[in-house]
N, C-alpha and C. Protein backbone atom coordinates (compact mmCIF):
# COMPACT_ATOMS: atom_id res chain seq x y z
N MET A 1 121.47 147.19 123.12
CA MET A 1 121.17 148.39 122.32
C MET A 1 122.03 148.54 120.99
N ILE A 2 121.28 148.71 120.10
CA ILE A 2 121.65 148.71 118.43
C ILE A 2 122.03 150.00 118.01
N GLY A 3 123.16 150.45 117.57
CA GLY A 3 123.39 151.56 116.76
C GLY A 3 123.07 151.49 115.46
N ILE A 4 122.69 152.74 114.83
CA ILE A 4 122.38 152.66 113.47
C ILE A 4 123.23 153.98 112.86
N PHE A 5 124.16 153.61 111.78
CA PHE A 5 124.95 154.70 111.28
C PHE A 5 124.76 154.57 109.60
N GLY A 6 123.78 155.59 109.14
CA GLY A 6 123.94 155.78 107.78
C GLY A 6 124.79 156.62 106.99
N GLY A 7 125.08 156.15 105.75
CA GLY A 7 125.76 157.14 104.87
C GLY A 7 125.75 156.55 103.38
N THR A 8 126.10 157.24 102.53
CA THR A 8 126.23 156.72 101.03
C THR A 8 127.61 155.66 100.85
N PHE A 9 128.43 155.92 101.93
CA PHE A 9 129.54 154.89 101.98
C PHE A 9 130.23 154.89 100.37
N ASP A 10 130.60 155.84 99.81
CA ASP A 10 131.02 156.07 98.36
C ASP A 10 132.37 156.55 98.17
N PRO A 11 133.44 155.77 98.86
CA PRO A 11 133.48 154.71 99.43
C PRO A 11 133.58 154.93 101.03
N VAL A 12 133.37 153.80 101.46
CA VAL A 12 133.34 153.35 103.06
C VAL A 12 134.85 153.61 103.34
N HIS A 13 135.15 154.10 104.59
CA HIS A 13 136.59 154.36 104.82
C HIS A 13 136.86 154.22 106.50
N TYR A 14 138.22 154.19 106.88
CA TYR A 14 138.53 154.12 108.19
C TYR A 14 137.82 155.33 109.05
N GLY A 15 137.50 156.32 108.48
CA GLY A 15 136.98 157.50 109.31
C GLY A 15 135.62 157.18 109.84
N HIS A 16 134.81 156.19 108.75
CA HIS A 16 133.49 155.86 109.38
C HIS A 16 133.83 154.68 110.44
N LEU A 17 134.64 153.68 109.95
CA LEU A 17 134.71 152.49 110.93
C LEU A 17 135.20 152.77 112.24
N ARG A 18 136.45 153.53 112.31
CA ARG A 18 136.93 153.82 113.42
C ARG A 18 136.02 154.44 114.50
N THR A 19 135.26 155.48 113.88
CA THR A 19 134.44 156.43 114.91
C THR A 19 133.29 155.63 115.46
N VAL A 20 132.65 154.67 114.65
CA VAL A 20 131.57 153.96 115.03
C VAL A 20 131.88 152.87 116.04
N LEU A 21 133.20 152.49 115.72
CA LEU A 21 133.76 151.53 117.05
C LEU A 21 133.89 152.13 118.35
N ASP A 22 134.44 153.47 118.13
CA ASP A 22 134.42 154.26 119.54
C ASP A 22 133.11 154.31 119.98
N VAL A 23 132.24 154.70 119.16
CA VAL A 23 130.83 154.88 119.85
C VAL A 23 130.24 153.62 120.40
N ARG A 24 130.60 152.38 119.75
CA ARG A 24 129.95 151.20 120.31
C ARG A 24 130.66 150.97 121.65
N GLU A 25 131.92 151.14 121.90
CA GLU A 25 132.62 151.04 123.01
C GLU A 25 132.41 151.79 123.95
N ALA A 26 132.06 153.20 123.81
CA ALA A 26 131.68 154.31 124.78
C ALA A 26 130.18 154.00 125.23
N ALA A 27 129.26 153.66 124.19
CA ALA A 27 127.89 153.49 124.61
C ALA A 27 127.43 152.06 124.95
N GLY A 28 128.37 151.07 124.96
CA GLY A 28 128.08 149.67 125.27
C GLY A 28 127.08 149.08 124.22
N LEU A 29 127.01 149.50 122.93
CA LEU A 29 126.21 148.89 121.95
C LEU A 29 126.52 147.46 121.63
N GLU A 30 125.59 146.73 121.55
CA GLU A 30 125.73 145.25 121.07
C GLU A 30 126.35 145.17 119.84
N GLN A 31 125.72 146.18 118.87
CA GLN A 31 126.42 146.15 117.48
C GLN A 31 126.20 147.37 116.94
N VAL A 32 126.79 147.75 115.76
CA VAL A 32 126.47 149.00 114.97
C VAL A 32 126.00 148.45 113.50
N ARG A 33 124.94 149.02 113.11
CA ARG A 33 124.52 148.63 111.65
C ARG A 33 124.82 149.74 110.81
N LEU A 34 125.73 149.36 109.94
CA LEU A 34 125.85 150.43 108.76
C LEU A 34 124.87 150.38 107.63
N VAL A 35 124.10 151.31 107.48
CA VAL A 35 123.00 151.30 106.58
C VAL A 35 123.41 152.15 105.34
N PRO A 36 123.82 151.66 104.16
CA PRO A 36 124.08 152.18 103.03
C PRO A 36 122.54 152.94 102.53
N LEU A 37 122.77 154.19 102.04
CA LEU A 37 121.66 154.99 101.55
C LEU A 37 121.37 154.59 100.03
N LEU A 38 120.11 154.58 99.71
CA LEU A 38 119.85 154.43 98.28
C LEU A 38 120.38 155.90 97.61
N GLY A 39 119.80 157.04 98.21
CA GLY A 39 120.25 158.06 97.62
C GLY A 39 120.30 159.04 98.88
N ALA A 40 121.13 160.10 98.64
CA ALA A 40 121.39 161.18 99.68
C ALA A 40 120.33 162.30 99.65
N VAL A 41 119.78 162.55 100.80
CA VAL A 41 118.62 163.69 101.02
C VAL A 41 119.12 164.98 101.02
N HIS A 42 120.26 165.22 101.72
CA HIS A 42 120.86 166.44 102.10
C HIS A 42 122.15 166.88 101.61
N ARG A 43 122.65 166.01 100.61
CA ARG A 43 123.87 166.12 99.85
C ARG A 43 123.79 165.72 98.64
N ALA A 44 125.16 165.70 97.68
CA ALA A 44 125.05 165.26 96.41
C ALA A 44 124.84 163.67 96.31
N GLN A 45 124.17 163.38 95.28
CA GLN A 45 123.90 162.05 95.15
C GLN A 45 125.29 161.23 94.93
N PRO A 46 125.28 159.90 95.43
CA PRO A 46 126.47 159.12 95.20
C PRO A 46 126.57 158.77 93.66
N ALA A 47 128.07 158.56 93.48
CA ALA A 47 128.42 158.48 91.98
C ALA A 47 128.41 156.96 91.56
N THR A 48 128.52 156.22 92.52
CA THR A 48 128.62 154.76 92.49
C THR A 48 127.30 153.99 92.74
N PRO A 49 127.08 152.86 91.72
CA PRO A 49 125.73 152.17 92.06
C PRO A 49 125.68 151.83 93.38
N ALA A 50 124.42 151.47 93.82
CA ALA A 50 124.13 150.91 95.11
C ALA A 50 124.61 149.52 95.49
N ASN A 51 124.60 148.72 94.44
CA ASN A 51 125.14 147.47 94.76
C ASN A 51 126.56 147.31 94.87
N ILE A 52 127.30 148.28 94.23
CA ILE A 52 128.72 148.12 94.63
C ILE A 52 129.00 148.89 95.87
N ARG A 53 128.35 149.99 96.25
CA ARG A 53 128.68 150.56 97.57
C ARG A 53 128.13 149.51 98.82
N LEU A 54 127.21 148.80 98.43
CA LEU A 54 126.97 147.70 99.42
C LEU A 54 127.96 146.78 99.58
N ALA A 55 128.46 146.27 98.29
CA ALA A 55 129.71 145.42 98.36
C ALA A 55 130.89 145.79 99.08
N MET A 56 131.07 146.96 98.94
CA MET A 56 132.33 147.60 99.59
C MET A 56 132.05 147.67 101.08
N ALA A 57 130.77 148.09 101.40
CA ALA A 57 130.72 148.25 103.04
C ALA A 57 130.85 146.67 103.62
N GLN A 58 130.22 145.71 102.79
CA GLN A 58 130.05 144.33 103.40
C GLN A 58 131.75 143.87 103.48
N ALA A 59 132.46 144.10 102.54
CA ALA A 59 133.70 143.68 102.47
C ALA A 59 134.60 144.56 103.50
N ALA A 60 134.26 145.66 103.87
CA ALA A 60 135.01 146.51 104.90
C ALA A 60 134.62 146.04 106.42
N VAL A 61 133.72 145.23 106.64
CA VAL A 61 133.49 144.64 107.89
C VAL A 61 133.37 143.20 107.98
N ALA A 62 133.60 142.73 107.05
CA ALA A 62 133.53 141.11 107.04
C ALA A 62 134.49 140.54 108.27
N GLY A 63 134.26 139.66 109.00
CA GLY A 63 135.02 139.21 110.12
C GLY A 63 134.82 140.04 111.24
N THR A 64 134.16 141.04 111.36
CA THR A 64 134.04 142.12 112.59
C THR A 64 132.52 142.06 113.05
N ALA A 65 132.29 141.13 113.97
CA ALA A 65 130.93 140.71 114.57
C ALA A 65 130.34 141.92 115.07
N GLU A 66 130.99 142.97 115.49
CA GLU A 66 130.29 144.27 116.11
C GLU A 66 130.00 145.19 115.22
N LEU A 67 130.14 144.99 113.94
CA LEU A 67 129.69 145.91 112.73
C LEU A 67 129.25 144.97 111.79
N VAL A 68 127.93 145.35 111.39
CA VAL A 68 127.15 144.65 110.33
C VAL A 68 126.58 145.55 109.36
N VAL A 69 126.30 145.07 108.16
CA VAL A 69 125.96 146.02 107.02
C VAL A 69 124.22 145.73 106.80
N ASP A 70 123.59 146.64 107.01
CA ASP A 70 122.06 146.50 107.02
C ASP A 70 121.43 147.11 105.49
N ASP A 71 121.08 146.31 104.73
CA ASP A 71 120.73 146.83 103.24
C ASP A 71 119.20 147.02 103.22
N ARG A 72 118.36 147.47 104.26
CA ARG A 72 117.05 147.56 104.17
C ARG A 72 116.70 149.11 103.40
N GLU A 73 117.54 149.88 103.42
CA GLU A 73 117.18 151.16 102.65
C GLU A 73 117.32 150.86 101.11
N LEU A 74 118.31 150.08 100.69
CA LEU A 74 118.36 149.72 99.37
C LEU A 74 117.46 148.85 98.84
N SER A 75 116.84 148.01 99.76
CA SER A 75 115.71 146.98 99.44
C SER A 75 114.50 147.77 99.21
N ARG A 76 114.38 148.70 100.28
CA ARG A 76 113.01 149.44 100.18
C ARG A 76 112.70 150.31 99.01
N GLY A 77 113.88 150.93 98.55
CA GLY A 77 113.67 151.87 97.33
C GLY A 77 113.11 153.16 97.82
N GLY A 78 113.18 154.09 96.99
CA GLY A 78 112.38 155.39 97.26
C GLY A 78 113.47 156.34 97.97
N GLN A 79 113.02 157.34 98.50
CA GLN A 79 113.94 158.34 99.21
C GLN A 79 114.56 157.69 100.63
N SER A 80 115.70 158.05 101.00
CA SER A 80 116.36 157.33 102.14
C SER A 80 115.96 158.44 103.30
N PHE A 81 114.80 158.18 103.80
CA PHE A 81 114.59 158.91 105.06
C PHE A 81 114.98 158.12 106.21
N THR A 82 115.54 158.65 107.20
CA THR A 82 116.08 157.99 108.39
C THR A 82 114.84 157.57 109.22
N TYR A 83 113.67 158.57 109.14
CA TYR A 83 112.52 158.05 109.83
C TYR A 83 111.92 156.79 109.47
N ASP A 84 111.93 156.51 108.21
CA ASP A 84 111.40 155.27 107.64
C ASP A 84 112.19 154.00 107.93
N THR A 85 113.58 154.18 108.01
CA THR A 85 114.59 153.11 108.33
C THR A 85 114.23 152.75 109.81
N LEU A 86 113.89 153.76 110.60
CA LEU A 86 113.72 153.53 112.14
C LEU A 86 112.42 152.92 112.23
N VAL A 87 111.48 153.20 111.60
CA VAL A 87 110.17 152.53 111.59
C VAL A 87 110.38 151.00 111.31
N SER A 88 111.11 150.62 110.16
CA SER A 88 111.30 149.16 109.89
C SER A 88 112.00 148.59 110.87
N LEU A 89 113.10 149.16 111.60
CA LEU A 89 113.82 148.55 112.59
C LEU A 89 113.00 148.40 113.97
N ARG A 90 112.15 149.21 114.05
CA ARG A 90 111.29 149.04 115.19
C ARG A 90 110.32 147.74 114.93
N ARG A 91 109.89 147.68 113.88
CA ARG A 91 109.16 146.43 113.39
C ARG A 91 109.78 145.25 114.03
N ASP A 92 111.18 145.11 113.55
CA ASP A 92 112.01 144.07 113.83
C ASP A 92 112.42 143.84 115.17
N GLN A 93 112.72 144.96 115.90
CA GLN A 93 113.25 144.79 117.26
C GLN A 93 112.08 144.99 118.50
N GLY A 94 110.93 145.57 118.12
CA GLY A 94 109.90 145.55 119.19
C GLY A 94 110.19 146.98 119.74
N GLY A 95 109.07 147.25 120.40
CA GLY A 95 109.05 148.75 121.00
C GLY A 95 109.78 149.08 122.12
N GLU A 96 110.26 148.03 122.82
CA GLU A 96 111.19 148.27 124.11
C GLU A 96 112.59 148.35 123.97
N LYS A 97 113.18 147.79 122.98
CA LYS A 97 114.43 147.82 122.89
C LYS A 97 115.22 148.98 122.46
N PRO A 98 116.22 149.48 123.17
CA PRO A 98 116.82 150.88 122.78
C PRO A 98 117.43 150.71 121.67
N LEU A 99 117.28 151.85 120.64
CA LEU A 99 117.97 152.00 119.28
C LEU A 99 118.63 153.31 119.51
N ALA A 100 119.78 153.52 118.88
CA ALA A 100 120.60 154.73 118.97
C ALA A 100 121.05 155.03 117.50
N LEU A 101 120.67 156.19 116.95
CA LEU A 101 121.09 156.73 115.80
C LEU A 101 122.33 157.39 115.97
N ILE A 102 123.23 157.13 115.07
CA ILE A 102 124.65 157.72 115.28
C ILE A 102 125.02 158.71 114.31
N LEU A 103 125.29 160.01 114.64
CA LEU A 103 125.26 161.09 113.93
C LEU A 103 126.59 161.79 113.91
N GLY A 104 127.27 162.54 112.88
CA GLY A 104 128.38 163.20 113.18
C GLY A 104 127.86 164.61 113.51
N ALA A 105 128.81 165.38 114.09
CA ALA A 105 128.39 166.62 114.63
C ALA A 105 127.77 167.76 113.69
N ASP A 106 128.43 167.49 112.49
CA ASP A 106 127.86 168.39 111.42
C ASP A 106 126.47 167.97 110.82
N ALA A 107 126.20 166.80 110.58
CA ALA A 107 124.94 166.18 110.47
C ALA A 107 123.79 166.51 111.33
N PHE A 108 124.17 166.33 112.71
CA PHE A 108 123.28 166.84 113.83
C PHE A 108 122.96 168.19 113.75
N GLY A 109 123.55 169.06 113.22
CA GLY A 109 123.59 170.47 113.34
C GLY A 109 122.36 170.92 112.15
N GLY A 110 122.14 169.88 111.31
CA GLY A 110 121.05 170.27 110.54
C GLY A 110 119.71 169.07 110.84
N PHE A 111 119.86 168.68 112.17
CA PHE A 111 119.03 167.61 112.15
C PHE A 111 117.33 168.18 112.41
N LEU A 112 117.05 169.16 112.65
CA LEU A 112 115.69 169.76 112.68
C LEU A 112 115.20 170.08 111.28
N SER A 113 116.20 169.94 110.30
CA SER A 113 115.41 170.11 108.92
C SER A 113 115.15 168.85 108.37
N TRP A 114 115.52 167.59 109.02
CA TRP A 114 115.29 166.36 108.48
C TRP A 114 113.65 166.04 108.46
N HIS A 115 113.37 165.06 107.77
CA HIS A 115 111.96 164.49 107.47
C HIS A 115 111.65 164.04 109.07
N ARG A 116 110.66 164.64 109.74
CA ARG A 116 110.18 164.14 110.90
C ARG A 116 111.06 164.01 112.05
N PRO A 117 111.74 165.02 112.32
CA PRO A 117 113.06 164.82 113.24
C PRO A 117 112.63 164.42 114.95
N LEU A 118 111.33 165.04 115.24
CA LEU A 118 110.85 164.67 116.46
C LEU A 118 110.46 163.45 116.65
N ASP A 119 109.74 162.97 115.43
CA ASP A 119 109.37 161.51 115.34
C ASP A 119 110.43 160.56 115.23
N ILE A 120 111.63 160.93 114.73
CA ILE A 120 112.76 160.19 115.02
C ILE A 120 113.25 159.92 116.38
N LEU A 121 113.18 161.08 117.23
CA LEU A 121 113.32 160.78 118.64
C LEU A 121 112.50 160.15 119.20
N GLY A 122 111.44 159.90 118.77
CA GLY A 122 110.35 158.94 119.40
C GLY A 122 110.65 157.39 119.02
N LEU A 123 111.54 157.24 118.07
CA LEU A 123 111.80 155.93 117.87
C LEU A 123 113.29 155.43 118.17
N ALA A 124 114.15 156.32 118.44
CA ALA A 124 115.48 156.05 119.01
C ALA A 124 116.10 157.31 119.64
N HIS A 125 117.15 156.85 120.49
CA HIS A 125 118.12 157.92 120.95
C HIS A 125 118.95 158.46 119.82
N VAL A 126 119.67 159.60 120.16
CA VAL A 126 120.58 160.07 119.14
C VAL A 126 122.10 160.20 119.86
N ILE A 127 122.91 159.53 119.33
CA ILE A 127 124.41 159.65 119.86
C ILE A 127 125.16 160.63 118.74
N VAL A 128 125.59 161.65 119.14
CA VAL A 128 126.36 162.73 118.42
C VAL A 128 127.87 162.34 118.49
N MET A 129 128.43 162.27 117.29
CA MET A 129 130.17 162.03 117.48
C MET A 129 130.61 163.45 117.53
N GLU A 130 131.29 163.73 118.51
CA GLU A 130 131.72 165.20 118.79
C GLU A 130 133.11 165.29 118.62
N ARG A 131 133.35 166.51 117.97
CA ARG A 131 134.94 166.87 117.94
C ARG A 131 135.37 167.66 118.98
N PRO A 132 136.56 167.85 119.53
CA PRO A 132 137.14 168.45 120.58
C PRO A 132 136.76 169.99 120.45
N GLY A 133 136.22 170.60 121.43
CA GLY A 133 136.00 171.99 121.45
C GLY A 133 134.53 172.34 120.79
N HIS A 134 133.98 171.27 120.35
CA HIS A 134 132.63 171.63 119.39
C HIS A 134 131.59 171.77 120.67
N VAL A 135 130.62 172.74 120.33
CA VAL A 135 129.58 172.90 121.22
C VAL A 135 128.41 172.39 120.61
N LEU A 136 127.67 171.25 121.32
CA LEU A 136 126.73 170.75 120.81
C LEU A 136 125.19 171.37 120.74
N GLY A 137 124.71 171.61 119.60
CA GLY A 137 123.47 172.29 119.56
C GLY A 137 123.53 173.70 120.13
N ALA A 138 124.40 174.41 119.92
CA ALA A 138 124.60 175.90 120.64
C ALA A 138 123.58 176.62 120.14
N GLY A 139 122.69 177.13 120.90
CA GLY A 139 121.76 178.32 120.54
C GLY A 139 120.52 177.79 119.74
N GLY A 140 119.49 178.59 119.66
CA GLY A 140 118.38 178.46 118.85
C GLY A 140 117.58 177.27 119.28
N GLU A 141 116.71 176.75 118.26
CA GLU A 141 115.70 175.63 118.76
C GLU A 141 116.47 174.16 118.85
N LEU A 142 117.64 173.86 118.14
CA LEU A 142 118.30 172.67 118.46
C LEU A 142 118.99 172.82 119.60
N GLY A 143 119.59 174.09 120.09
CA GLY A 143 120.18 174.12 121.48
C GLY A 143 119.18 173.79 122.61
N ARG A 144 117.93 174.43 122.50
CA ARG A 144 116.86 174.06 123.40
C ARG A 144 116.41 172.55 123.42
N LEU A 145 116.46 171.91 122.09
CA LEU A 145 116.42 170.40 122.26
C LEU A 145 117.21 169.70 122.82
N VAL A 146 118.61 170.16 122.76
CA VAL A 146 119.83 169.38 123.25
C VAL A 146 119.63 169.53 125.07
N ALA A 147 119.21 170.72 125.31
CA ALA A 147 119.08 171.10 126.73
C ALA A 147 118.09 170.26 127.47
N ASP A 148 117.01 169.85 126.76
CA ASP A 148 115.83 169.06 127.22
C ASP A 148 116.15 167.74 127.29
N ARG A 149 117.11 167.18 126.23
CA ARG A 149 117.09 165.68 126.08
C ARG A 149 118.56 165.18 126.34
N ARG A 150 119.56 166.04 126.57
CA ARG A 150 120.85 165.67 126.75
C ARG A 150 121.00 164.74 127.96
N VAL A 151 121.67 163.59 127.89
CA VAL A 151 122.07 162.66 129.02
C VAL A 151 123.60 162.80 129.22
N ALA A 152 124.11 162.53 130.43
CA ALA A 152 125.31 162.40 130.74
C ALA A 152 126.16 161.29 130.29
N ASP A 153 125.56 159.96 130.21
CA ASP A 153 126.23 158.90 130.02
C ASP A 153 125.37 157.83 129.32
N ALA A 154 125.95 156.66 128.86
CA ALA A 154 125.36 155.90 128.18
C ALA A 154 124.43 154.86 128.91
N ALA A 155 124.48 154.88 130.28
CA ALA A 155 123.54 154.12 131.08
C ALA A 155 122.37 154.74 131.06
N ALA A 156 121.98 156.19 130.91
CA ALA A 156 120.66 156.63 130.72
C ALA A 156 120.07 156.37 129.49
N LEU A 157 120.96 156.09 128.43
CA LEU A 157 120.21 155.53 127.26
C LEU A 157 119.47 154.09 127.41
N ALA A 158 120.28 153.21 128.17
CA ALA A 158 119.70 151.85 128.38
C ALA A 158 118.35 151.88 129.01
N GLY A 159 117.98 152.95 129.85
CA GLY A 159 116.96 152.95 130.57
C GLY A 159 115.51 153.09 129.95
N SER A 160 115.75 153.61 128.55
CA SER A 160 114.41 153.67 127.63
C SER A 160 114.72 153.34 126.27
N ALA A 161 113.66 153.30 125.73
CA ALA A 161 113.93 152.96 124.09
C ALA A 161 114.38 153.98 123.22
N SER A 162 114.28 155.23 123.70
CA SER A 162 114.33 156.40 122.61
C SER A 162 114.22 157.78 123.36
N GLY A 163 114.57 158.88 122.65
CA GLY A 163 114.38 160.20 123.15
C GLY A 163 115.35 160.94 123.58
N SER A 164 116.67 160.37 123.82
CA SER A 164 117.78 161.16 124.51
C SER A 164 118.69 161.45 123.54
N VAL A 165 119.58 162.24 123.78
CA VAL A 165 120.61 162.86 122.92
C VAL A 165 121.95 162.69 123.81
N LEU A 166 123.10 161.97 123.21
CA LEU A 166 124.15 161.61 124.04
C LEU A 166 125.31 162.03 123.14
N PRO A 167 126.26 163.00 123.67
CA PRO A 167 127.48 163.21 122.91
C PRO A 167 128.55 162.30 123.29
N VAL A 168 129.43 161.98 122.31
CA VAL A 168 130.40 161.05 122.56
C VAL A 168 131.61 161.60 121.64
N GLU A 169 132.79 161.73 122.59
CA GLU A 169 133.97 162.05 121.55
C GLU A 169 134.55 161.03 121.12
N VAL A 170 135.00 161.09 119.82
CA VAL A 170 135.52 159.99 118.95
C VAL A 170 136.93 160.22 118.34
N THR A 171 137.62 159.29 117.85
CA THR A 171 138.94 159.67 117.31
C THR A 171 138.68 160.35 116.11
N GLN A 172 139.69 161.51 115.91
CA GLN A 172 139.58 162.37 114.95
C GLN A 172 140.44 161.95 113.77
N LEU A 173 139.66 161.49 112.70
CA LEU A 173 140.50 161.15 111.42
C LEU A 173 140.06 161.91 110.31
N GLU A 174 140.79 162.89 109.68
CA GLU A 174 140.43 163.59 108.70
C GLU A 174 140.51 163.04 107.44
N ILE A 175 139.60 161.95 107.15
CA ILE A 175 139.38 161.18 106.08
C ILE A 175 137.88 161.43 105.45
N SER A 176 137.98 161.60 104.24
CA SER A 176 136.42 161.71 103.68
C SER A 176 136.29 161.07 102.08
N SER A 177 135.20 160.63 101.94
CA SER A 177 135.08 159.72 100.73
C SER A 177 135.40 160.82 99.59
N THR A 178 134.97 162.01 99.63
CA THR A 178 135.48 163.05 98.52
C THR A 178 136.82 163.15 98.25
N ASP A 179 137.60 163.00 99.27
CA ASP A 179 139.23 163.15 99.09
C ASP A 179 139.63 161.80 98.33
N ILE A 180 139.12 160.66 98.83
CA ILE A 180 139.45 159.47 98.52
C ILE A 180 139.20 159.38 96.91
N ARG A 181 138.03 159.74 96.52
CA ARG A 181 137.69 159.63 95.07
C ARG A 181 138.64 160.59 94.31
N ALA A 182 139.00 161.81 94.65
CA ALA A 182 139.87 162.52 94.06
C ALA A 182 141.21 161.96 94.08
N ARG A 183 141.72 161.35 95.20
CA ARG A 183 142.93 160.76 94.98
C ARG A 183 143.25 159.62 93.85
N VAL A 184 141.87 158.77 93.84
CA VAL A 184 141.82 157.71 92.74
C VAL A 184 141.86 158.34 91.37
N ALA A 185 141.10 159.36 91.19
CA ALA A 185 141.24 160.11 89.88
C ALA A 185 142.48 160.69 89.55
N ALA A 186 143.34 161.20 90.48
CA ALA A 186 144.59 161.80 90.27
C ALA A 186 145.61 160.69 90.11
N GLY A 187 145.29 159.26 90.26
CA GLY A 187 146.23 158.34 90.24
C GLY A 187 147.01 158.28 91.48
N ARG A 188 146.56 158.66 92.89
CA ARG A 188 147.38 158.67 94.01
C ARG A 188 146.96 157.43 94.70
N SER A 189 147.65 156.99 95.89
CA SER A 189 147.44 156.07 96.65
C SER A 189 146.26 156.37 97.68
N ILE A 190 145.57 155.45 97.92
CA ILE A 190 144.51 155.37 98.87
C ILE A 190 144.74 154.43 100.11
N ARG A 191 145.96 153.61 99.90
CA ARG A 191 146.32 152.80 101.12
C ARG A 191 146.15 153.51 102.50
N PHE A 192 145.70 152.52 103.31
CA PHE A 192 145.63 152.91 104.95
C PHE A 192 144.52 154.25 104.88
N LEU A 193 143.81 154.28 104.01
CA LEU A 193 142.53 155.20 104.17
C LEU A 193 141.29 154.40 104.12
N VAL A 194 141.38 153.27 103.47
CA VAL A 194 140.26 152.32 103.23
C VAL A 194 140.75 150.96 103.51
N PRO A 195 139.90 150.09 104.03
CA PRO A 195 140.42 148.75 104.13
C PRO A 195 140.93 148.15 102.94
N GLU A 196 141.81 147.19 103.00
CA GLU A 196 142.34 146.58 101.87
C GLU A 196 141.05 145.98 100.95
N PRO A 197 140.32 145.14 101.49
CA PRO A 197 139.44 144.46 100.43
C PRO A 197 138.47 145.70 99.64
N VAL A 198 138.29 146.95 100.37
CA VAL A 198 137.61 147.98 99.62
C VAL A 198 138.39 148.58 98.48
N GLU A 199 139.88 148.73 98.92
CA GLU A 199 140.75 149.30 97.87
C GLU A 199 140.84 148.19 96.75
N ARG A 200 140.76 146.94 96.98
CA ARG A 200 140.86 146.09 96.00
C ARG A 200 139.47 146.13 94.88
N ILE A 201 138.30 146.30 95.52
CA ILE A 201 137.07 146.53 94.85
C ILE A 201 137.26 147.54 93.77
N ILE A 202 137.79 148.92 94.71
CA ILE A 202 137.80 150.16 93.72
C ILE A 202 138.95 149.73 92.60
N ARG A 203 139.99 149.04 92.87
CA ARG A 203 141.01 148.88 91.75
C ARG A 203 140.27 148.09 90.49
N GLN A 204 139.66 146.67 91.00
CA GLN A 204 139.32 145.89 90.21
C GLN A 204 138.18 146.53 89.11
N LEU A 205 137.19 147.28 89.74
CA LEU A 205 136.25 147.68 89.02
C LEU A 205 136.40 149.07 88.46
N GLY A 206 137.77 149.65 88.70
CA GLY A 206 138.02 150.88 88.04
C GLY A 206 137.23 152.21 88.54
N LEU A 207 136.68 152.15 89.81
CA LEU A 207 135.94 153.18 90.28
C LEU A 207 136.61 154.52 90.58
N TYR A 208 136.18 155.69 90.23
CA TYR A 208 136.50 156.98 90.50
C TYR A 208 137.69 157.33 89.52
N ARG A 209 137.82 156.68 88.76
CA ARG A 209 139.01 157.19 87.77
C ARG A 209 138.42 158.44 86.79
N ALA A 210 139.32 159.27 86.66
CA ALA A 210 138.95 160.44 85.79
C ALA A 210 138.45 160.16 84.51
């Protein structure tokens, strides 16, 4: 089973990397593919050009076989709809291989406002990275969807190609790309917030400076 984790990665940081490793271990994923978005759909657009964000993501996971960077959204162009990315992955992987879309709890809270959300579930499972004390999909239409599709463990995902929702508790690292950019702009250190190769790219290219 392959995991898919999308983001602007502006820049990629340990909060991204540690949590998807937690998911890979908990769900028994062969690998997790980090998919940099060309443009954001539900948030502010990335400030950094796509080729540089791609280079930072590739530098961050170099030498880590279980994490790979997939540039299909950047190559495709146009709007970064998760549905289109999963259709493309399905063409590559075939119809039977389980795929798992990895989402943070906040992102999953807006899942039903996404482009073709139920069709996304027809293409992949959804793994939600939970915070302690968070109630997954509480109430409303999203709550009903979770009640219908939630499974208790990763073994249930392996039995089908798509369609289930699995919550996974992950390491809580309060790191954000917004905060990292602000620190750089203020001349503060970002050491131990991002991998050293990413910090090097930021410094060499003068990214995020005021």
